[in-house]
Amino acid sequence: MEIQLNSVITCPNCGHKKEEIMPADACQYFYECENCKSILKPKQGDCCVFCSYGTVKCPPVQQNKKCC
């Protein structure tokens, strides 16, 4: 299985979308929306902002590994 590193993250506050490159070996706990400046945090039960708000889950989850 090929790991995807690009994910489009969508701000739940303003709806702004931006394609980002995920870190290959770490989770990203915070993300600042460039449009409304909101600081996004993972939803309960998710390990990172990409798992909560991205179109693609983070690389550790894609590999069925324990996330950070």
N, C-alpha and C. Protein backbone atom coordinates (compact mmCIF):
# COMPACT_ATOMS: atom_id res chain seq x y z
N MET A 1 0.84 -1.19 0.00
CA MET A 1 0.00 0.00 0.00
C MET A 1 0.88 1.25 0.00
N GLU A 2 0.59 2.14 -0.91
CA GLU A 2 1.35 3.38 -0.99
C GLU A 2 0.77 4.41 -0.02
N ILE A 3 1.64 5.02 0.75
CA ILE A 3 1.21 6.02 1.72
C ILE A 3 1.03 7.36 1.02
N GLN A 4 -0.12 7.97 1.26
CA GLN A 4 -0.40 9.30 0.71
C GLN A 4 0.00 10.35 1.75
N LEU A 5 0.74 11.35 1.32
CA LEU A 5 1.16 12.41 2.23
C LEU A 5 0.38 13.71 2.03
N ASN A 6 -0.36 13.83 0.93
CA ASN A 6 -1.14 15.04 0.69
C ASN A 6 -2.56 14.83 1.18
N SER A 7 -3.08 15.84 1.86
CA SER A 7 -4.44 15.80 2.38
C SER A 7 -5.01 17.22 2.32
N VAL A 8 -6.27 17.33 1.94
CA VAL A 8 -6.93 18.63 1.94
C VAL A 8 -7.62 18.76 3.29
N ILE A 9 -7.19 19.76 4.05
CA ILE A 9 -7.76 19.99 5.37
C ILE A 9 -8.83 21.08 5.26
N THR A 10 -9.97 20.86 5.89
CA THR A 10 -11.09 21.80 5.83
C THR A 10 -11.37 22.34 7.22
N CYS A 11 -11.35 23.66 7.35
CA CYS A 11 -11.63 24.29 8.63
C CYS A 11 -13.12 24.14 8.95
N PRO A 12 -13.45 23.60 10.11
CA PRO A 12 -14.87 23.44 10.47
C PRO A 12 -15.53 24.77 10.84
N ASN A 13 -14.74 25.80 11.07
CA ASN A 13 -15.30 27.10 11.46
C ASN A 13 -15.69 27.96 10.27
N CYS A 14 -14.84 27.99 9.24
CA CYS A 14 -15.13 28.88 8.11
C CYS A 14 -15.25 28.14 6.78
N GLY A 15 -14.89 26.85 6.75
CA GLY A 15 -15.01 26.07 5.52
C GLY A 15 -13.83 26.19 4.57
N HIS A 16 -12.81 26.96 4.96
CA HIS A 16 -11.62 27.12 4.11
C HIS A 16 -10.93 25.78 3.92
N LYS A 17 -10.50 25.51 2.68
CA LYS A 17 -9.82 24.26 2.36
C LYS A 17 -8.42 24.56 1.86
N LYS A 18 -7.46 23.72 2.26
CA LYS A 18 -6.09 23.88 1.78
C LYS A 18 -5.42 22.52 1.75
N GLU A 19 -4.72 22.26 0.65
CA GLU A 19 -3.95 21.02 0.56
C GLU A 19 -2.64 21.19 1.32
N GLU A 20 -2.35 20.22 2.16
CA GLU A 20 -1.15 20.25 2.98
C GLU A 20 -0.41 18.93 2.83
N ILE A 21 0.88 18.95 3.11
CA ILE A 21 1.69 17.74 3.13
C ILE A 21 1.82 17.32 4.59
N MET A 22 1.42 16.08 4.87
CA MET A 22 1.47 15.57 6.24
C MET A 22 2.88 15.09 6.57
N PRO A 23 3.28 15.20 7.83
CA PRO A 23 4.55 14.58 8.22
C PRO A 23 4.43 13.06 8.08
N ALA A 24 5.47 12.44 7.58
CA ALA A 24 5.43 10.99 7.31
C ALA A 24 5.52 10.15 8.57
N ASP A 25 6.11 10.70 9.63
CA ASP A 25 6.38 9.88 10.81
C ASP A 25 5.90 10.50 12.11
N ALA A 26 4.97 11.43 12.03
CA ALA A 26 4.48 12.09 13.24
C ALA A 26 3.04 12.56 13.03
N CYS A 27 2.38 12.80 14.14
CA CYS A 27 1.02 13.35 14.09
C CYS A 27 1.09 14.85 14.28
N GLN A 28 0.13 15.54 13.71
CA GLN A 28 0.07 16.99 13.88
C GLN A 28 -1.16 17.30 14.74
N TYR A 29 -0.90 17.79 15.95
CA TYR A 29 -1.98 18.02 16.92
C TYR A 29 -2.68 19.36 16.74
N PHE A 30 -1.99 20.34 16.18
CA PHE A 30 -2.58 21.67 16.01
C PHE A 30 -2.39 22.13 14.58
N TYR A 31 -3.36 22.91 14.10
CA TYR A 31 -3.29 23.48 12.76
C TYR A 31 -4.00 24.82 12.79
N GLU A 32 -3.34 25.85 12.26
CA GLU A 32 -3.96 27.17 12.21
C GLU A 32 -4.54 27.40 10.82
N CYS A 33 -5.84 27.69 10.77
CA CYS A 33 -6.49 28.01 9.50
C CYS A 33 -5.94 29.34 9.01
N GLU A 34 -5.46 29.35 7.77
CA GLU A 34 -4.89 30.58 7.24
C GLU A 34 -5.95 31.63 6.94
N ASN A 35 -7.21 31.22 6.86
CA ASN A 35 -8.28 32.16 6.55
C ASN A 35 -8.83 32.85 7.80
N CYS A 36 -9.30 32.06 8.78
CA CYS A 36 -9.94 32.65 9.97
C CYS A 36 -9.05 32.63 11.21
N LYS A 37 -7.85 32.02 11.08
CA LYS A 37 -6.86 31.97 12.17
C LYS A 37 -7.28 31.10 13.35
N SER A 38 -8.33 30.29 13.18
CA SER A 38 -8.72 29.35 14.24
C SER A 38 -7.63 28.29 14.40
N ILE A 39 -7.41 27.86 15.62
CA ILE A 39 -6.48 26.78 15.89
C ILE A 39 -7.30 25.50 16.01
N LEU A 40 -7.07 24.57 15.08
CA LEU A 40 -7.80 23.31 15.08
C LEU A 40 -7.04 22.29 15.92
N LYS A 41 -7.80 21.49 16.64
CA LYS A 41 -7.27 20.38 17.42
C LYS A 41 -8.04 19.13 17.00
N PRO A 42 -7.45 17.95 17.18
CA PRO A 42 -8.16 16.72 16.80
C PRO A 42 -9.47 16.55 17.56
N LYS A 43 -10.45 15.96 16.89
CA LYS A 43 -11.70 15.60 17.56
C LYS A 43 -11.40 14.46 18.52
N GLN A 44 -12.25 14.32 19.53
CA GLN A 44 -12.07 13.25 20.50
C GLN A 44 -12.03 11.90 19.78
N GLY A 45 -11.04 11.10 20.09
CA GLY A 45 -10.89 9.79 19.47
C GLY A 45 -9.96 9.78 18.27
N ASP A 46 -9.63 10.96 17.73
CA ASP A 46 -8.70 11.06 16.61
C ASP A 46 -7.32 11.44 17.13
N CYS A 47 -6.30 11.03 16.39
CA CYS A 47 -4.94 11.28 16.85
C CYS A 47 -4.36 12.59 16.34
N CYS A 48 -4.91 13.13 15.26
CA CYS A 48 -4.33 14.35 14.70
C CYS A 48 -5.38 15.13 13.91
N VAL A 49 -5.03 16.34 13.51
CA VAL A 49 -5.97 17.19 12.77
C VAL A 49 -6.29 16.62 11.39
N PHE A 50 -5.36 15.86 10.79
CA PHE A 50 -5.63 15.28 9.48
C PHE A 50 -6.67 14.16 9.58
N CYS A 51 -6.64 13.40 10.66
CA CYS A 51 -7.65 12.36 10.86
C CYS A 51 -9.03 12.98 11.12
N SER A 52 -9.05 14.16 11.71
CA SER A 52 -10.32 14.82 12.00
C SER A 52 -10.86 15.66 10.85
N TYR A 53 -9.99 16.39 10.15
CA TYR A 53 -10.46 17.39 9.19
C TYR A 53 -9.89 17.22 7.78
N GLY A 54 -9.06 16.20 7.57
CA GLY A 54 -8.43 16.01 6.27
C GLY A 54 -9.17 15.01 5.40
N THR A 55 -8.84 15.03 4.11
CA THR A 55 -9.42 14.07 3.17
C THR A 55 -8.70 12.73 3.23
N VAL A 56 -7.49 12.71 3.82
CA VAL A 56 -6.70 11.50 3.95
C VAL A 56 -6.23 11.40 5.40
N LYS A 57 -6.34 10.23 5.98
CA LYS A 57 -5.86 10.01 7.35
C LYS A 57 -4.34 10.09 7.39
N CYS A 58 -3.77 10.31 8.57
CA CYS A 58 -2.32 10.46 8.72
C CYS A 58 -1.59 9.16 8.35
N PRO A 59 -0.31 9.25 7.97
CA PRO A 59 0.45 8.07 7.56
C PRO A 59 0.46 6.91 8.57
N PRO A 60 0.63 7.15 9.89
CA PRO A 60 0.58 6.00 10.80
C PRO A 60 -0.75 5.25 10.75
N VAL A 61 -1.86 5.98 10.64
CA VAL A 61 -3.18 5.33 10.56
C VAL A 61 -3.32 4.61 9.22
N GLN A 62 -2.80 5.20 8.14
CA GLN A 62 -2.85 4.53 6.84
C GLN A 62 -2.11 3.18 6.88
N GLN A 63 -1.06 3.10 7.71
CA GLN A 63 -0.26 1.87 7.80
C GLN A 63 -0.77 0.94 8.89
N ASN A 64 -1.93 1.26 9.47
CA ASN A 64 -2.51 0.47 10.56
C ASN A 64 -1.55 0.33 11.74
N LYS A 65 -0.78 1.38 11.98
CA LYS A 65 0.12 1.40 13.12
C LYS A 65 -0.51 2.23 14.23
N LYS A 66 0.00 2.04 15.43
CA LYS A 66 -0.45 2.87 16.54
C LYS A 66 -0.01 4.31 16.26
N CYS A 67 -0.94 5.20 16.40
CA CYS A 67 -0.63 6.60 16.13
C CYS A 67 0.07 7.23 17.33
N CYS A 68 0.61 8.36 17.11
CA CYS A 68 1.44 9.06 18.10
C CYS A 68 0.79 9.24 19.45
